[in-house]
Amino acid sequence: QGILTAILSCVSAGDEVVIIEPAYD
């Protein structure tokens, strides 16, 4: 829930988010 809330608080439509795979689902 902390992860989701953090992402929703700062990411808007069109923003890019870098993740490193293999990654938590």
mmCIF file of all heavy atoms, coordinates in Angstrom:
data_MODEL
# 
_entry.id   MODEL 
# 
loop_
_atom_site.group_PDB 
_atom_site.id 
_atom_site.type_symbol 
_atom_site.label_atom_id 
_atom_site.label_alt_id 
_atom_site.label_comp_id 
_atom_site.label_asym_id 
_atom_site.label_entity_id 
_atom_site.label_seq_id 
_atom_site.pdbx_PDB_ins_code 
_atom_site.Cartn_x 
_atom_site.Cartn_y 
_atom_site.Cartn_z 
_atom_site.occupancy 
_atom_site.B_iso_or_equiv 
_atom_site.pdbx_formal_charge 
_atom_site.auth_seq_id 
_atom_site.auth_comp_id 
_atom_site.auth_asym_id 
_atom_site.auth_atom_id 
_atom_site.pdbx_PDB_model_num 
ATOM 1   N N   . GLN A 1 1  ? 0.837  -1.209  0.000   1.00 0.00 ? 1  GLN A N   1 
ATOM 2   C CA  . GLN A 1 1  ? 0.000  0.000   0.000   1.00 0.00 ? 1  GLN A CA  1 
ATOM 3   C C   . GLN A 1 1  ? 0.869  1.256   0.000   1.00 0.00 ? 1  GLN A C   1 
ATOM 4   O O   . GLN A 1 1  ? 0.553  2.247   -0.662  1.00 0.00 ? 1  GLN A O   1 
ATOM 5   C CB  . GLN A 1 1  ? -0.942 0.020   1.198   1.00 0.00 ? 1  GLN A CB  1 
ATOM 6   C CG  . GLN A 1 1  ? -1.899 1.220   1.197   1.00 0.00 ? 1  GLN A CG  1 
ATOM 7   C CD  . GLN A 1 1  ? -1.579 2.266   2.254   1.00 0.00 ? 1  GLN A CD  1 
ATOM 8   O OE1 . GLN A 1 1  ? -1.302 1.930   3.407   1.00 0.00 ? 1  GLN A OE1 1 
ATOM 9   N NE2 . GLN A 1 1  ? -1.603 3.536   1.875   1.00 0.00 ? 1  GLN A NE2 1 
ATOM 10  N N   . GLY A 1 2  ? 1.979  1.208   0.719   1.00 0.00 ? 2  GLY A N   1 
ATOM 11  C CA  . GLY A 1 2  ? 2.887  2.339   0.710   1.00 0.00 ? 2  GLY A CA  1 
ATOM 12  C C   . GLY A 1 2  ? 3.441  2.616   -0.672  1.00 0.00 ? 2  GLY A C   1 
ATOM 13  O O   . GLY A 1 2  ? 3.561  3.770   -1.104  1.00 0.00 ? 2  GLY A O   1 
ATOM 14  N N   . ILE A 1 3  ? 3.766  1.536   -1.393  1.00 0.00 ? 3  ILE A N   1 
ATOM 15  C CA  . ILE A 1 3  ? 4.288  1.676   -2.754  1.00 0.00 ? 3  ILE A CA  1 
ATOM 16  C C   . ILE A 1 3  ? 3.244  2.305   -3.667  1.00 0.00 ? 3  ILE A C   1 
ATOM 17  O O   . ILE A 1 3  ? 3.525  3.264   -4.401  1.00 0.00 ? 3  ILE A O   1 
ATOM 18  C CB  . ILE A 1 3  ? 4.737  0.304   -3.292  1.00 0.00 ? 3  ILE A CB  1 
ATOM 19  C CG1 . ILE A 1 3  ? 5.973  -0.185  -2.539  1.00 0.00 ? 3  ILE A CG1 1 
ATOM 20  C CG2 . ILE A 1 3  ? 5.005  0.362   -4.800  1.00 0.00 ? 3  ILE A CG2 1 
ATOM 21  C CD1 . ILE A 1 3  ? 6.290  -1.651  -2.754  1.00 0.00 ? 3  ILE A CD1 1 
ATOM 22  N N   . LEU A 1 4  ? 2.023  1.767   -3.646  1.00 0.00 ? 4  LEU A N   1 
ATOM 23  C CA  . LEU A 1 4  ? 0.957  2.300   -4.497  1.00 0.00 ? 4  LEU A CA  1 
ATOM 24  C C   . LEU A 1 4  ? 0.695  3.765   -4.185  1.00 0.00 ? 4  LEU A C   1 
ATOM 25  O O   . LEU A 1 4  ? 0.584  4.603   -5.094  1.00 0.00 ? 4  LEU A O   1 
ATOM 26  C CB  . LEU A 1 4  ? -0.323 1.485   -4.307  1.00 0.00 ? 4  LEU A CB  1 
ATOM 27  C CG  . LEU A 1 4  ? -1.583 2.042   -4.978  1.00 0.00 ? 4  LEU A CG  1 
ATOM 28  C CD1 . LEU A 1 4  ? -1.411 2.099   -6.488  1.00 0.00 ? 4  LEU A CD1 1 
ATOM 29  C CD2 . LEU A 1 4  ? -2.810 1.222   -4.604  1.00 0.00 ? 4  LEU A CD2 1 
ATOM 30  N N   . THR A 1 5  ? 0.591  4.105   -2.918  1.00 0.00 ? 5  THR A N   1 
ATOM 31  C CA  . THR A 1 5  ? 0.282  5.475   -2.533  1.00 0.00 ? 5  THR A CA  1 
ATOM 32  C C   . THR A 1 5  ? 1.392  6.430   -2.939  1.00 0.00 ? 5  THR A C   1 
ATOM 33  O O   . THR A 1 5  ? 1.127  7.546   -3.416  1.00 0.00 ? 5  THR A O   1 
ATOM 34  C CB  . THR A 1 5  ? 0.022  5.549   -1.019  1.00 0.00 ? 5  THR A CB  1 
ATOM 35  O OG1 . THR A 1 5  ? -1.038 4.652   -0.684  1.00 0.00 ? 5  THR A OG1 1 
ATOM 36  C CG2 . THR A 1 5  ? -0.357 6.953   -0.586  1.00 0.00 ? 5  THR A CG2 1 
ATOM 37  N N   . ALA A 1 6  ? 2.639  6.009   -2.770  1.00 0.00 ? 6  ALA A N   1 
ATOM 38  C CA  . ALA A 1 6  ? 3.761  6.856   -3.179  1.00 0.00 ? 6  ALA A CA  1 
ATOM 39  C C   . ALA A 1 6  ? 3.716  7.122   -4.674  1.00 0.00 ? 6  ALA A C   1 
ATOM 40  O O   . ALA A 1 6  ? 3.908  8.261   -5.130  1.00 0.00 ? 6  ALA A O   1 
ATOM 41  C CB  . ALA A 1 6  ? 5.085  6.205   -2.791  1.00 0.00 ? 6  ALA A CB  1 
ATOM 42  N N   . ILE A 1 7  ? 3.436  6.091   -5.449  1.00 0.00 ? 7  ILE A N   1 
ATOM 43  C CA  . ILE A 1 7  ? 3.376  6.253   -6.904  1.00 0.00 ? 7  ILE A CA  1 
ATOM 44  C C   . ILE A 1 7  ? 2.220  7.172   -7.292  1.00 0.00 ? 7  ILE A C   1 
ATOM 45  O O   . ILE A 1 7  ? 2.375  8.097   -8.103  1.00 0.00 ? 7  ILE A O   1 
ATOM 46  C CB  . ILE A 1 7  ? 3.249  4.875   -7.581  1.00 0.00 ? 7  ILE A CB  1 
ATOM 47  C CG1 . ILE A 1 7  ? 4.560  4.094   -7.416  1.00 0.00 ? 7  ILE A CG1 1 
ATOM 48  C CG2 . ILE A 1 7  ? 2.893  5.022   -9.068  1.00 0.00 ? 7  ILE A CG2 1 
ATOM 49  C CD1 . ILE A 1 7  ? 4.477  2.644   -7.821  1.00 0.00 ? 7  ILE A CD1 1 
ATOM 50  N N   . LEU A 1 8  ? 1.042  6.944   -6.707  1.00 0.00 ? 8  LEU A N   1 
ATOM 51  C CA  . LEU A 1 8  ? -0.110 7.791   -7.027  1.00 0.00 ? 8  LEU A CA  1 
ATOM 52  C C   . LEU A 1 8  ? 0.112  9.242   -6.630  1.00 0.00 ? 8  LEU A C   1 
ATOM 53  O O   . LEU A 1 8  ? -0.457 10.156  -7.234  1.00 0.00 ? 8  LEU A O   1 
ATOM 54  C CB  . LEU A 1 8  ? -1.358 7.258   -6.324  1.00 0.00 ? 8  LEU A CB  1 
ATOM 55  C CG  . LEU A 1 8  ? -1.924 5.931   -6.830  1.00 0.00 ? 8  LEU A CG  1 
ATOM 56  C CD1 . LEU A 1 8  ? -3.072 5.467   -5.946  1.00 0.00 ? 8  LEU A CD1 1 
ATOM 57  C CD2 . LEU A 1 8  ? -2.380 6.041   -8.279  1.00 0.00 ? 8  LEU A CD2 1 
ATOM 58  N N   . SER A 1 9  ? 0.962  9.468   -5.634  1.00 0.00 ? 9  SER A N   1 
ATOM 59  C CA  . SER A 1 9  ? 1.172  10.832  -5.146  1.00 0.00 ? 9  SER A CA  1 
ATOM 60  C C   . SER A 1 9  ? 2.086  11.657  -6.045  1.00 0.00 ? 9  SER A C   1 
ATOM 61  O O   . SER A 1 9  ? 2.082  12.889  -5.948  1.00 0.00 ? 9  SER A O   1 
ATOM 62  C CB  . SER A 1 9  ? 1.757  10.807  -3.735  1.00 0.00 ? 9  SER A CB  1 
ATOM 63  O OG  . SER A 1 9  ? 3.118  10.390  -3.733  1.00 0.00 ? 9  SER A OG  1 
ATOM 64  N N   . CYS A 1 10 ? 2.856  11.005  -6.904  1.00 0.00 ? 10 CYS A N   1 
ATOM 65  C CA  . CYS A 1 10 ? 3.835  11.784  -7.679  1.00 0.00 ? 10 CYS A CA  1 
ATOM 66  C C   . CYS A 1 10 ? 3.837  11.503  -9.177  1.00 0.00 ? 10 CYS A C   1 
ATOM 67  O O   . CYS A 1 10 ? 4.449  12.259  -9.938  1.00 0.00 ? 10 CYS A O   1 
ATOM 68  C CB  . CYS A 1 10 ? 5.249  11.566  -7.126  1.00 0.00 ? 10 CYS A CB  1 
ATOM 69  S SG  . CYS A 1 10 ? 5.914  9.905   -7.337  1.00 0.00 ? 10 CYS A SG  1 
ATOM 70  N N   . VAL A 1 11 ? 3.170  10.442  -9.619  1.00 0.00 ? 11 VAL A N   1 
ATOM 71  C CA  . VAL A 1 11 ? 3.184  10.076  -11.043 1.00 0.00 ? 11 VAL A CA  1 
ATOM 72  C C   . VAL A 1 11 ? 1.874  10.492  -11.691 1.00 0.00 ? 11 VAL A C   1 
ATOM 73  O O   . VAL A 1 11 ? 0.786  10.163  -11.194 1.00 0.00 ? 11 VAL A O   1 
ATOM 74  C CB  . VAL A 1 11 ? 3.413  8.567   -11.217 1.00 0.00 ? 11 VAL A CB  1 
ATOM 75  C CG1 . VAL A 1 11 ? 3.316  8.177   -12.698 1.00 0.00 ? 11 VAL A CG1 1 
ATOM 76  C CG2 . VAL A 1 11 ? 4.771  8.168   -10.644 1.00 0.00 ? 11 VAL A CG2 1 
ATOM 77  N N   . SER A 1 12 ? 1.959  11.215  -12.797 1.00 0.00 ? 12 SER A N   1 
ATOM 78  C CA  . SER A 1 12 ? 0.788  11.654  -13.551 1.00 0.00 ? 12 SER A CA  1 
ATOM 79  C C   . SER A 1 12 ? 0.825  11.056  -14.946 1.00 0.00 ? 12 SER A C   1 
ATOM 80  O O   . SER A 1 12 ? 1.817  10.429  -15.353 1.00 0.00 ? 12 SER A O   1 
ATOM 81  C CB  . SER A 1 12 ? 0.755  13.187  -13.638 1.00 0.00 ? 12 SER A CB  1 
ATOM 82  O OG  . SER A 1 12 ? 0.711  13.761  -12.345 1.00 0.00 ? 12 SER A OG  1 
ATOM 83  N N   . ALA A 1 13 ? -0.252 11.262  -15.686 1.00 0.00 ? 13 ALA A N   1 
ATOM 84  C CA  . ALA A 1 13 ? -0.351 10.710  -17.041 1.00 0.00 ? 13 ALA A CA  1 
ATOM 85  C C   . ALA A 1 13 ? 0.830  11.173  -17.892 1.00 0.00 ? 13 ALA A C   1 
ATOM 86  O O   . ALA A 1 13 ? 1.147  12.362  -17.943 1.00 0.00 ? 13 ALA A O   1 
ATOM 87  C CB  . ALA A 1 13 ? -1.669 11.137  -17.681 1.00 0.00 ? 13 ALA A CB  1 
ATOM 88  N N   . GLY A 1 14 ? 1.475  10.220  -18.525 1.00 0.00 ? 14 GLY A N   1 
ATOM 89  C CA  . GLY A 1 14 ? 2.595  10.524  -19.401 1.00 0.00 ? 14 GLY A CA  1 
ATOM 90  C C   . GLY A 1 14 ? 3.952  10.501  -18.724 1.00 0.00 ? 14 GLY A C   1 
ATOM 91  O O   . GLY A 1 14 ? 4.985  10.455  -19.406 1.00 0.00 ? 14 GLY A O   1 
ATOM 92  N N   . ASP A 1 15 ? 3.979  10.523  -17.386 1.00 0.00 ? 15 ASP A N   1 
ATOM 93  C CA  . ASP A 1 15 ? 5.260  10.434  -16.685 1.00 0.00 ? 15 ASP A CA  1 
ATOM 94  C C   . ASP A 1 15 ? 5.877  9.053   -16.876 1.00 0.00 ? 15 ASP A C   1 
ATOM 95  O O   . ASP A 1 15 ? 5.158  8.045   -16.960 1.00 0.00 ? 15 ASP A O   1 
ATOM 96  C CB  . ASP A 1 15 ? 5.073  10.671  -15.184 1.00 0.00 ? 15 ASP A CB  1 
ATOM 97  C CG  . ASP A 1 15 ? 4.794  12.116  -14.840 1.00 0.00 ? 15 ASP A CG  1 
ATOM 98  O OD1 . ASP A 1 15 ? 5.059  12.987  -15.692 1.00 0.00 ? 15 ASP A OD1 1 
ATOM 99  O OD2 . ASP A 1 15 ? 4.310  12.381  -13.722 1.00 0.00 ? 15 ASP A OD2 1 
ATOM 100 N N   . GLU A 1 16 ? 7.189  9.014   -16.910 1.00 0.00 ? 16 GLU A N   1 
ATOM 101 C CA  . GLU A 1 16 ? 7.884  7.732   -17.049 1.00 0.00 ? 16 GLU A CA  1 
ATOM 102 C C   . GLU A 1 16 ? 8.462  7.302   -15.707 1.00 0.00 ? 16 GLU A C   1 
ATOM 103 O O   . GLU A 1 16 ? 8.994  8.130   -14.945 1.00 0.00 ? 16 GLU A O   1 
ATOM 104 C CB  . GLU A 1 16 ? 8.993  7.843   -18.097 1.00 0.00 ? 16 GLU A CB  1 
ATOM 105 C CG  . GLU A 1 16 ? 8.447  8.075   -19.497 1.00 0.00 ? 16 GLU A CG  1 
ATOM 106 C CD  . GLU A 1 16 ? 9.500  8.044   -20.580 1.00 0.00 ? 16 GLU A CD  1 
ATOM 107 O OE1 . GLU A 1 16 ? 10.702 7.896   -20.249 1.00 0.00 ? 16 GLU A OE1 1 
ATOM 108 O OE2 . GLU A 1 16 ? 9.141  8.176   -21.757 1.00 0.00 ? 16 GLU A OE2 1 
ATOM 109 N N   . VAL A 1 17 ? 8.336  6.008   -15.442 1.00 0.00 ? 17 VAL A N   1 
ATOM 110 C CA  . VAL A 1 17 ? 8.846  5.434   -14.193 1.00 0.00 ? 17 VAL A CA  1 
ATOM 111 C C   . VAL A 1 17 ? 9.773  4.278   -14.543 1.00 0.00 ? 17 VAL A C   1 
ATOM 112 O O   . VAL A 1 17 ? 9.372  3.340   -15.236 1.00 0.00 ? 17 VAL A O   1 
ATOM 113 C CB  . VAL A 1 17 ? 7.708  4.937   -13.294 1.00 0.00 ? 17 VAL A CB  1 
ATOM 114 C CG1 . VAL A 1 17 ? 8.275  4.375   -11.994 1.00 0.00 ? 17 VAL A CG1 1 
ATOM 115 C CG2 . VAL A 1 17 ? 6.723  6.061   -13.001 1.00 0.00 ? 17 VAL A CG2 1 
ATOM 116 N N   . VAL A 1 18 ? 10.985 4.354   -14.057 1.00 0.00 ? 18 VAL A N   1 
ATOM 117 C CA  . VAL A 1 18 ? 11.988 3.323   -14.340 1.00 0.00 ? 18 VAL A CA  1 
ATOM 118 C C   . VAL A 1 18 ? 11.922 2.251   -13.261 1.00 0.00 ? 18 VAL A C   1 
ATOM 119 O O   . VAL A 1 18 ? 11.993 2.562   -12.061 1.00 0.00 ? 18 VAL A O   1 
ATOM 120 C CB  . VAL A 1 18 ? 13.403 3.931   -14.403 1.00 0.00 ? 18 VAL A CB  1 
ATOM 121 C CG1 . VAL A 1 18 ? 14.439 2.832   -14.658 1.00 0.00 ? 18 VAL A CG1 1 
ATOM 122 C CG2 . VAL A 1 18 ? 13.473 5.002   -15.488 1.00 0.00 ? 18 VAL A CG2 1 
ATOM 123 N N   . ILE A 1 19 ? 11.762 1.012   -13.684 1.00 0.00 ? 19 ILE A N   1 
ATOM 124 C CA  . ILE A 1 19 ? 11.844 -0.122  -12.768 1.00 0.00 ? 19 ILE A CA  1 
ATOM 125 C C   . ILE A 1 19 ? 12.916 -1.070  -13.271 1.00 0.00 ? 19 ILE A C   1 
ATOM 126 O O   . ILE A 1 19 ? 13.298 -1.033  -14.445 1.00 0.00 ? 19 ILE A O   1 
ATOM 127 C CB  . ILE A 1 19 ? 10.498 -0.866  -12.614 1.00 0.00 ? 19 ILE A CB  1 
ATOM 128 C CG1 . ILE A 1 19 ? 10.114 -1.574  -13.924 1.00 0.00 ? 19 ILE A CG1 1 
ATOM 129 C CG2 . ILE A 1 19 ? 9.394  0.106   -12.185 1.00 0.00 ? 19 ILE A CG2 1 
ATOM 130 C CD1 . ILE A 1 19 ? 8.897  -2.485  -13.781 1.00 0.00 ? 19 ILE A CD1 1 
ATOM 131 N N   . ILE A 1 20 ? 13.396 -1.903  -12.377 1.00 0.00 ? 20 ILE A N   1 
ATOM 132 C CA  . ILE A 1 20 ? 14.443 -2.869  -12.731 1.00 0.00 ? 20 ILE A CA  1 
ATOM 133 C C   . ILE A 1 20 ? 13.869 -4.268  -12.585 1.00 0.00 ? 20 ILE A C   1 
ATOM 134 O O   . ILE A 1 20 ? 13.461 -4.675  -11.498 1.00 0.00 ? 20 ILE A O   1 
ATOM 135 C CB  . ILE A 1 20 ? 15.682 -2.702  -11.839 1.00 0.00 ? 20 ILE A CB  1 
ATOM 136 C CG1 . ILE A 1 20 ? 16.205 -1.263  -11.906 1.00 0.00 ? 20 ILE A CG1 1 
ATOM 137 C CG2 . ILE A 1 20 ? 16.778 -3.682  -12.256 1.00 0.00 ? 20 ILE A CG2 1 
ATOM 138 C CD1 . ILE A 1 20 ? 17.352 -0.971  -10.937 1.00 0.00 ? 20 ILE A CD1 1 
ATOM 139 N N   . GLU A 1 21 ? 13.794 -4.989  -13.686 1.00 0.00 ? 21 GLU A N   1 
ATOM 140 C CA  . GLU A 1 21 ? 13.282 -6.364  -13.667 1.00 0.00 ? 21 GLU A CA  1 
ATOM 141 C C   . GLU A 1 21 ? 14.421 -7.355  -13.512 1.00 0.00 ? 21 GLU A C   1 
ATOM 142 O O   . GLU A 1 21 ? 15.533 -7.086  -13.983 1.00 0.00 ? 21 GLU A O   1 
ATOM 143 C CB  . GLU A 1 21 ? 12.505 -6.651  -14.951 1.00 0.00 ? 21 GLU A CB  1 
ATOM 144 C CG  . GLU A 1 21 ? 11.231 -5.838  -15.065 1.00 0.00 ? 21 GLU A CG  1 
ATOM 145 C CD  . GLU A 1 21 ? 10.422 -6.204  -16.297 1.00 0.00 ? 21 GLU A CD  1 
ATOM 146 O OE1 . GLU A 1 21 ? 11.037 -6.434  -17.363 1.00 0.00 ? 21 GLU A OE1 1 
ATOM 147 O OE2 . GLU A 1 21 ? 9.186  -6.271  -16.210 1.00 0.00 ? 21 GLU A OE2 1 
ATOM 148 N N   . PRO A 1 22 ? 14.155 -8.510  -12.842 1.00 0.00 ? 22 PRO A N   1 
ATOM 149 C CA  . PRO A 1 22 ? 12.892 -8.952  -12.286 1.00 0.00 ? 22 PRO A CA  1 
ATOM 150 C C   . PRO A 1 22 ? 12.441 -8.048  -11.142 1.00 0.00 ? 22 PRO A C   1 
ATOM 151 O O   . PRO A 1 22 ? 13.247 -7.646  -10.308 1.00 0.00 ? 22 PRO A O   1 
ATOM 152 C CB  . PRO A 1 22 ? 13.178 -10.374 -11.805 1.00 0.00 ? 22 PRO A CB  1 
ATOM 153 C CG  . PRO A 1 22 ? 14.659 -10.409 -11.566 1.00 0.00 ? 22 PRO A CG  1 
ATOM 154 C CD  . PRO A 1 22 ? 15.247 -9.506  -12.600 1.00 0.00 ? 22 PRO A CD  1 
ATOM 155 N N   . ALA A 1 23 ? 11.132 -7.733  -11.115 1.00 0.00 ? 23 ALA A N   1 
ATOM 156 C CA  . ALA A 1 23 ? 10.619 -6.736  -10.177 1.00 0.00 ? 23 ALA A CA  1 
ATOM 157 C C   . ALA A 1 23 ? 9.396  -7.261  -9.444  1.00 0.00 ? 23 ALA A C   1 
ATOM 158 O O   . ALA A 1 23 ? 8.611  -8.047  -9.997  1.00 0.00 ? 23 ALA A O   1 
ATOM 159 C CB  . ALA A 1 23 ? 10.251 -5.454  -10.926 1.00 0.00 ? 23 ALA A CB  1 
ATOM 160 N N   . TYR A 1 24 ? 9.227  -6.813  -8.219  1.00 0.00 ? 24 TYR A N   1 
ATOM 161 C CA  . TYR A 1 24 ? 8.032  -7.136  -7.433  1.00 0.00 ? 24 TYR A CA  1 
ATOM 162 C C   . TYR A 1 24 ? 6.798  -6.789  -8.252  1.00 0.00 ? 24 TYR A C   1 
ATOM 163 O O   . TYR A 1 24 ? 6.738  -5.745  -8.904  1.00 0.00 ? 24 TYR A O   1 
ATOM 164 C CB  . TYR A 1 24 ? 8.073  -6.345  -6.124  1.00 0.00 ? 24 TYR A CB  1 
ATOM 165 C CG  . TYR A 1 24 ? 6.910  -6.576  -5.205  1.00 0.00 ? 24 TYR A CG  1 
ATOM 166 C CD1 . TYR A 1 24 ? 6.519  -7.855  -4.827  1.00 0.00 ? 24 TYR A CD1 1 
ATOM 167 C CD2 . TYR A 1 24 ? 6.192  -5.498  -4.686  1.00 0.00 ? 24 TYR A CD2 1 
ATOM 168 C CE1 . TYR A 1 24 ? 5.454  -8.060  -3.968  1.00 0.00 ? 24 TYR A CE1 1 
ATOM 169 C CE2 . TYR A 1 24 ? 5.131  -5.688  -3.821  1.00 0.00 ? 24 TYR A CE2 1 
ATOM 170 C CZ  . TYR A 1 24 ? 4.757  -6.976  -3.478  1.00 0.00 ? 24 TYR A CZ  1 
ATOM 171 O OH  . TYR A 1 24 ? 3.702  -7.168  -2.627  1.00 0.00 ? 24 TYR A OH  1 
ATOM 172 N N   . ASP A 1 25 ? 5.809  -7.666  -8.219  1.00 0.00 ? 25 ASP A N   1 
ATOM 173 C CA  . ASP A 1 25 ? 4.742  -7.587  -9.202  1.00 0.00 ? 25 ASP A CA  1 
ATOM 174 C C   . ASP A 1 25 ? 3.770  -6.435  -9.008  1.00 0.00 ? 25 ASP A C   1 
ATOM 175 O O   . ASP A 1 25 ? 2.948  -6.159  -9.882  1.00 0.00 ? 25 ASP A O   1 
ATOM 176 C CB  . ASP A 1 25 ? 3.969  -8.908  -9.269  1.00 0.00 ? 25 ASP A CB  1 
ATOM 177 C CG  . ASP A 1 25 ? 3.230  -9.247  -7.981  1.00 0.00 ? 25 ASP A CG  1 
ATOM 178 O OD1 . ASP A 1 25 ? 3.478  -8.602  -6.953  1.00 0.00 ? 25 ASP A OD1 1 
ATOM 179 O OD2 . ASP A 1 25 ? 2.414  -10.195 -8.012  1.00 0.00 ? 25 ASP A OD2 1 
# 
